[in-house]
Structure formats: C-alpha cells, structure tokens
Amino acid sequence: MSQAPIRVVVWGENRHEQVEPSVAERYPDGMHGAIAKGTGEWLGDKAVITTRTLDEPEHGLTSDVLDATDVLVWWGHAAHGDVADEVVERVHRHVLAGMGLIVLHSGHWSKIFTKLMGTTCTLRWRSEHDRELVWTVNPQHPIARGIPNPIVIPEQEMYGEYFDVPTPDELVFISGFTGGEVFRSGMTYRRGFGRIFYFSPGDQDFPVYHHPDVNHVIANGIEWARPDRERETPTLLRYDTDDFFNGQGYRGAFER
C-alpha cells in the first residue's frame, strides 16, 4: 500500500543571500531553494516540498503550516536571535508531538535545536577551504542507504570536536578535515514522539548544497524522520488502583 507524499517544509533564514553578492551568486534561489531542489531530485513523488523564510509573517511557520508539515528542515546562521520565541515554542510542541526535524550545519546554534538538546551546542570551527570527508559509521542505518563512503566535499567550513550536545541516540556519520580535526557530523535524537537528525555539511560560503551526495543524505533523513503515527503530545495520565490494564484511555504500552 503506497503512502501519501511526505509534507516537507525547508526553512531558511535567507539573510546571507540578501546582503552578500557571492552567496546570492552561489545560491540564486537561496540556500533553502537549493536544499528543496536537491532533496526533491532524490525524493521525487515521495514528497511535496515547500519553503519558508525568516522574514515571512511568523517566519512562515504558522500553526496551520506546522499542522500540515511532516518534516521541517532548518537552516540558520546569522539571525538565530531574530527568531521569535513564540515560534520556537510552537515548533518545539510540534516536534514533541511527532513532527520530524532536520537541523543543518549552523542550525546547531538555533534556538529550537539548543532548546531540544538542553546544552550549549557549541563547537570548534574554521573557514579556510578545508576538504571534508564524511565517513559512514553506521551503514545499517536508513539514512546511510545508498550513500558513498566517504562523501568527498572539496571545500567546506571545518566543524570540530568538542561538540557540546547530548550523546546521540545513533551516530551515523563522522567527518575528518584537512587540519586533522574530526566531528560527529550526522546523528539522530528522539524527543517526545519526534525524530531529529542533525547533519553538519553545508555553508553559505561553499556550494555544498549543490553536492548530490549531501542532498541524498538530507533526503534519506527526511524519509527517516517522517512520523509513523498521528500527532499527539505526550500527556500525564492518572490511573486508579487495579486499573492498569483498562485505565483512562489506555491503549497499550507501545501506544503511550
């Protein structure tokens, strides 16, 4: 039985593209546009992909938009502080209720990612045209399906350890850089009923989102993060004595 297409929103702050001619030339449709196009080439009719940006009303992430989103892809860098707290809270609620979230590159410092992780999410970095090799360390994982090992990215910003995030549920990729640094570049988390995938390759100064293998990883992440249940926020349930089988709305251990 075929599934309905995955409803994907690619969110980008769209600031570098407006003020830096080199970025606008590299990404004439914005980084969000490049990500949407590149992942769409891999997903085909398995997904319906739209884009939203920071300067839209409510940053394009209204309640109606999020209600109709299976997976949200997030890219931010220069304007993390401009994202309204009420929108962050709204996205947070939707993730806990089951919406998938893909956080890319400098989105590690976004309000939504730091809120979900509960840590500083800081790291080491250098932007000096390093080569990045993205190595698969969990080839059985669905996100690694069909991905070459390694992915070779000729020019990229270096991200290095220590990366201050919680120990991931699953580590899928690690990266090595010209200077000898290593980085946990692809990892998954679960928060509430939502699945989260962080993937680090991608920067405004390099054409990484035109790299087909990078877009293939993001497309696989979208498929993995797709909800497999109706959206529902985990709730506190009270049970009476001797009612542990037939309590108030109880549907079984794996349903709650």
Protein backbone atom coordinates (compact mmCIF):
# COMPACT_ATOMS: atom_id res chain seq x y z
CA MET A 1 0.00 0.00 0.00
CA SER A 2 1.53 3.32 -1.05
CA GLN A 3 1.95 6.12 1.47
CA ALA A 4 0.86 9.69 0.96
CA PRO A 5 3.71 12.04 -0.01
CA ILE A 6 5.81 13.39 2.85
CA ARG A 7 4.89 17.02 3.50
CA VAL A 8 8.23 18.82 3.84
CA VAL A 9 8.97 22.44 4.69
CA VAL A 10 12.53 23.68 4.11
CA TRP A 11 13.08 26.71 6.34
CA GLY A 12 15.93 29.15 5.74
CA GLU A 13 16.69 32.47 7.36
CA ASN A 14 17.58 33.87 3.88
CA ARG A 15 19.82 36.66 5.17
CA HIS A 16 23.25 35.95 3.66
CA GLU A 17 21.64 35.67 0.24
CA GLN A 18 20.23 39.20 0.58
CA VAL A 19 23.41 41.02 1.64
CA GLU A 20 26.36 39.02 0.25
CA PRO A 21 26.64 39.02 -3.56
CA SER A 22 28.87 35.92 -3.56
CA VAL A 23 26.25 33.93 -1.66
CA ALA A 24 23.47 35.20 -3.92
CA GLU A 25 25.52 34.10 -6.95
CA ARG A 26 26.22 30.70 -5.39
CA TYR A 27 22.60 30.20 -4.33
CA PRO A 28 20.42 32.33 -6.62
CA ASP A 29 17.26 30.68 -5.24
CA GLY A 30 18.55 30.87 -1.67
CA MET A 31 20.06 28.02 0.30
CA HIS A 32 16.54 26.92 1.17
CA GLY A 33 15.75 26.78 -2.54
CA ALA A 34 18.87 24.73 -3.29
CA ILE A 35 18.06 22.28 -0.48
CA ALA A 36 14.47 21.93 -1.64
CA LYS A 37 15.55 21.34 -5.25
CA GLY A 38 18.38 18.95 -4.38
CA THR A 39 16.39 16.80 -1.98
CA GLY A 40 13.42 16.84 -4.32
CA GLU A 41 15.54 15.25 -7.03
CA TRP A 42 16.13 12.30 -4.71
CA LEU A 43 12.64 12.07 -3.22
CA GLY A 44 10.64 12.59 -6.39
CA ASP A 45 6.92 11.98 -5.92
CA LYS A 46 7.53 10.63 -2.40
CA ALA A 47 7.47 14.20 -1.07
CA VAL A 48 5.81 17.57 -1.53
CA ILE A 49 8.39 20.21 -0.64
CA THR A 50 7.75 23.89 0.08
CA THR A 51 9.97 26.61 1.52
CA ARG A 52 9.54 29.26 4.20
CA THR A 53 11.87 32.05 5.35
CA LEU A 54 12.55 34.20 8.38
CA ASP A 55 11.06 37.44 7.08
CA GLU A 56 7.63 35.99 6.32
CA PRO A 57 4.88 36.66 8.89
CA GLU A 58 5.50 34.38 11.88
CA HIS A 59 8.65 33.30 9.97
CA GLY A 60 6.39 31.28 7.69
CA LEU A 61 5.81 28.79 10.49
CA THR A 62 2.20 29.43 11.44
CA SER A 63 0.13 26.87 13.29
CA ASP A 64 -1.61 25.94 10.06
CA VAL A 65 1.72 25.40 8.27
CA LEU A 66 3.13 23.23 11.04
CA ASP A 67 -0.11 21.25 11.33
CA ALA A 68 0.37 20.32 7.67
CA THR A 69 4.13 19.54 7.96
CA ASP A 70 5.51 16.04 8.42
CA VAL A 71 9.18 17.06 8.41
CA LEU A 72 10.72 20.50 8.93
CA VAL A 73 14.24 21.15 7.57
CA TRP A 74 16.04 24.04 9.34
CA TRP A 75 18.96 26.20 8.16
CA GLY A 76 20.01 29.27 10.13
CA HIS A 77 23.23 31.11 10.88
CA ALA A 78 23.37 34.90 11.10
CA ALA A 79 19.96 35.58 12.62
CA HIS A 80 19.29 32.97 15.29
CA GLY A 81 18.37 35.74 17.71
CA ASP A 82 15.75 37.14 15.33
CA VAL A 83 13.61 34.02 15.54
CA ALA A 84 10.66 34.82 17.80
CA ASP A 85 10.44 32.78 20.99
CA GLU A 86 6.75 32.06 20.43
CA VAL A 87 7.56 30.47 17.07
CA VAL A 88 10.30 28.38 18.69
CA GLU A 89 7.80 27.21 21.31
CA ARG A 90 5.33 26.32 18.57
CA VAL A 91 7.91 24.28 16.63
CA HIS A 92 9.02 22.62 19.87
CA ARG A 93 5.48 21.49 20.65
CA HIS A 94 5.08 20.05 17.16
CA VAL A 95 8.35 18.12 17.41
CA LEU A 96 7.34 16.61 20.76
CA ALA A 97 4.01 15.66 19.20
CA GLY A 98 5.72 13.82 16.33
CA MET A 99 6.83 16.23 13.60
CA GLY A 100 10.25 15.31 12.20
CA LEU A 101 13.07 17.88 12.33
CA ILE A 102 16.25 18.02 10.21
CA VAL A 103 18.77 20.55 11.53
CA LEU A 104 21.55 21.52 9.14
CA HIS A 105 25.04 22.94 9.64
CA SER A 106 24.99 26.17 11.69
CA GLY A 107 21.46 25.35 12.83
CA HIS A 108 23.28 23.70 15.74
CA TRP A 109 23.07 27.10 17.43
CA SER A 110 19.44 27.77 16.57
CA LYS A 111 17.00 28.38 19.38
CA ILE A 112 15.00 25.29 18.51
CA PHE A 113 17.99 22.91 18.47
CA THR A 114 19.52 24.21 21.71
CA LYS A 115 16.09 24.00 23.37
CA LEU A 116 15.64 20.40 22.27
CA MET A 117 19.19 19.43 23.25
CA GLY A 118 19.37 21.32 26.55
CA THR A 119 23.08 22.15 26.06
CA THR A 120 25.15 24.98 24.55
CA CYS A 121 25.62 23.09 21.24
CA THR A 122 28.94 24.91 20.77
CA LEU A 123 31.83 23.50 18.72
CA ARG A 124 35.18 24.35 17.16
CA TRP A 125 35.24 25.86 13.66
CA ARG A 126 37.45 27.31 10.95
CA SER A 127 36.51 28.60 7.49
CA GLU A 128 39.64 28.07 5.39
CA HIS A 129 38.53 25.97 2.40
CA ASP A 130 39.14 22.65 4.13
CA ARG A 131 38.33 19.38 2.41
CA GLU A 132 35.75 17.36 4.34
CA LEU A 133 35.44 13.57 4.20
CA VAL A 134 32.11 12.34 5.58
CA TRP A 135 32.53 8.74 6.75
CA THR A 136 29.62 6.37 7.35
CA VAL A 137 29.96 4.67 10.74
CA ASN A 138 26.50 3.08 10.84
CA PRO A 139 25.94 1.60 7.36
CA GLN A 140 22.81 -0.27 8.51
CA HIS A 141 21.00 2.96 9.31
CA PRO A 142 18.30 4.05 6.80
CA ILE A 143 19.88 7.50 6.50
CA ALA A 144 23.09 5.87 5.19
CA ARG A 145 21.25 3.94 2.46
CA GLY A 146 22.94 4.44 -0.91
CA ILE A 147 25.49 6.94 0.43
CA PRO A 148 29.12 6.63 -0.76
CA ASN A 149 31.74 6.11 1.92
CA PRO A 150 33.22 8.63 2.20
CA ILE A 151 31.40 11.61 0.77
CA VAL A 152 34.12 13.93 -0.54
CA ILE A 153 33.38 17.64 -0.15
CA PRO A 154 36.24 19.58 -1.78
CA GLU A 155 35.71 22.86 0.11
CA GLN A 156 33.90 23.30 3.39
CA GLU A 157 33.93 25.07 6.72
CA MET A 158 35.60 22.96 9.39
CA TYR A 159 33.48 21.87 12.34
CA GLY A 160 35.43 20.05 15.06
CA GLU A 161 35.07 18.44 18.45
CA TYR A 162 34.28 19.06 21.16
CA PHE A 163 30.64 19.40 20.08
CA ASP A 164 28.58 20.11 23.22
CA VAL A 165 25.46 18.07 22.53
CA PRO A 166 23.95 15.10 24.38
CA THR A 167 25.17 11.66 23.42
CA PRO A 168 23.15 10.88 20.28
CA ASP A 169 20.71 8.02 20.04
CA GLU A 170 22.50 6.99 16.85
CA LEU A 171 25.73 8.18 15.30
CA VAL A 172 25.54 7.77 11.53
CA PHE A 173 28.42 9.88 10.14
CA ILE A 174 31.71 11.34 11.31
CA SER A 175 33.79 13.83 9.34
CA GLY A 176 37.50 14.44 9.00
CA PHE A 177 39.10 17.68 7.84
CA THR A 178 42.34 18.88 6.30
CA GLY A 179 43.68 20.05 9.66
CA GLY A 180 43.18 16.63 11.25
CA GLU A 181 40.01 17.51 13.16
CA VAL A 182 37.11 15.08 13.44
CA PHE A 183 33.44 15.82 14.03
CA ARG A 184 30.25 13.88 14.71
CA SER A 185 28.58 15.19 11.57
CA GLY A 186 25.42 13.06 11.36
CA MET A 187 23.44 11.98 14.42
CA THR A 188 19.89 11.26 15.47
CA TYR A 189 17.78 12.02 18.53
CA ARG A 190 14.25 11.41 19.65
CA ARG A 191 12.37 13.98 21.68
CA GLY A 192 8.82 13.10 22.68
CA PHE A 193 7.32 11.43 19.60
CA GLY A 194 9.53 13.43 17.20
CA ARG A 195 12.62 12.26 15.35
CA ILE A 196 15.55 14.68 14.91
CA PHE A 197 18.50 14.37 12.53
CA TYR A 198 21.46 16.77 12.72
CA PHE A 199 23.71 16.90 9.65
CA SER A 200 26.60 19.36 9.55
CA PRO A 201 27.80 19.72 5.92
CA GLY A 202 26.56 22.92 4.30
CA ASP A 203 27.67 26.55 4.45
CA GLN A 204 26.87 29.81 2.75
CA ASP A 205 30.48 30.29 1.59
CA PHE A 206 30.71 27.00 -0.31
CA PRO A 207 28.43 25.25 -2.83
CA VAL A 208 27.79 22.27 -0.55
CA TYR A 209 24.02 22.23 -1.12
CA HIS A 210 24.66 21.61 -4.81
CA HIS A 211 26.52 18.39 -3.89
CA PRO A 212 24.27 15.44 -4.84
CA ASP A 213 25.54 13.16 -2.05
CA VAL A 214 24.82 15.80 0.61
CA ASN A 215 21.31 16.23 -0.72
CA HIS A 216 20.90 12.44 -0.80
CA VAL A 217 21.70 12.28 2.92
CA ILE A 218 19.17 15.02 3.69
CA ALA A 219 16.55 13.24 1.58
CA ASN A 220 17.19 9.99 3.46
CA GLY A 221 16.91 11.93 6.72
CA ILE A 222 13.54 13.30 5.66
CA GLU A 223 12.25 9.79 4.96
CA TRP A 224 13.60 8.53 8.31
CA ALA A 225 12.12 11.45 10.29
CA ARG A 226 8.66 11.07 8.79
CA PRO A 227 6.08 10.48 11.57
CA ASP A 228 4.66 6.97 11.78
CA ARG A 229 1.67 7.87 13.95
CA GLU A 230 -0.94 10.56 14.39
CA ARG A 231 0.50 13.68 16.00
CA GLU A 232 -0.06 13.67 19.75
CA THR A 233 1.68 15.41 22.63
CA PRO A 234 2.70 13.02 25.42
CA THR A 235 0.42 13.61 28.38
CA LEU A 236 0.29 12.75 32.07
CA LEU A 237 -2.34 10.04 32.67
CA ARG A 238 -3.86 9.12 36.02
CA TYR A 239 -4.84 5.53 36.77
CA ASP A 240 -6.92 4.10 39.58
CA THR A 241 -5.79 1.13 41.62
CA ASP A 242 -6.28 -2.17 39.75
CA ASP A 243 -6.96 -0.24 36.55
CA PHE A 244 -3.51 -0.71 34.98
CA PHE A 245 -4.95 -2.68 32.04
CA ASN A 246 -8.08 -0.64 31.39
CA GLY A 247 -7.18 2.81 32.66
CA GLN A 248 -8.41 6.11 31.36
CA GLY A 249 -7.85 5.85 27.63
CA TYR A 250 -5.08 3.27 28.00
CA ARG A 251 -4.20 1.67 24.64
CA GLY A 252 -1.14 -0.42 25.42
CA ALA A 253 2.47 0.14 26.45
CA PHE A 254 3.72 0.95 22.96
CA GLU A 255 0.96 3.43 22.21
CA ARG A 256 1.75 5.85 25.00
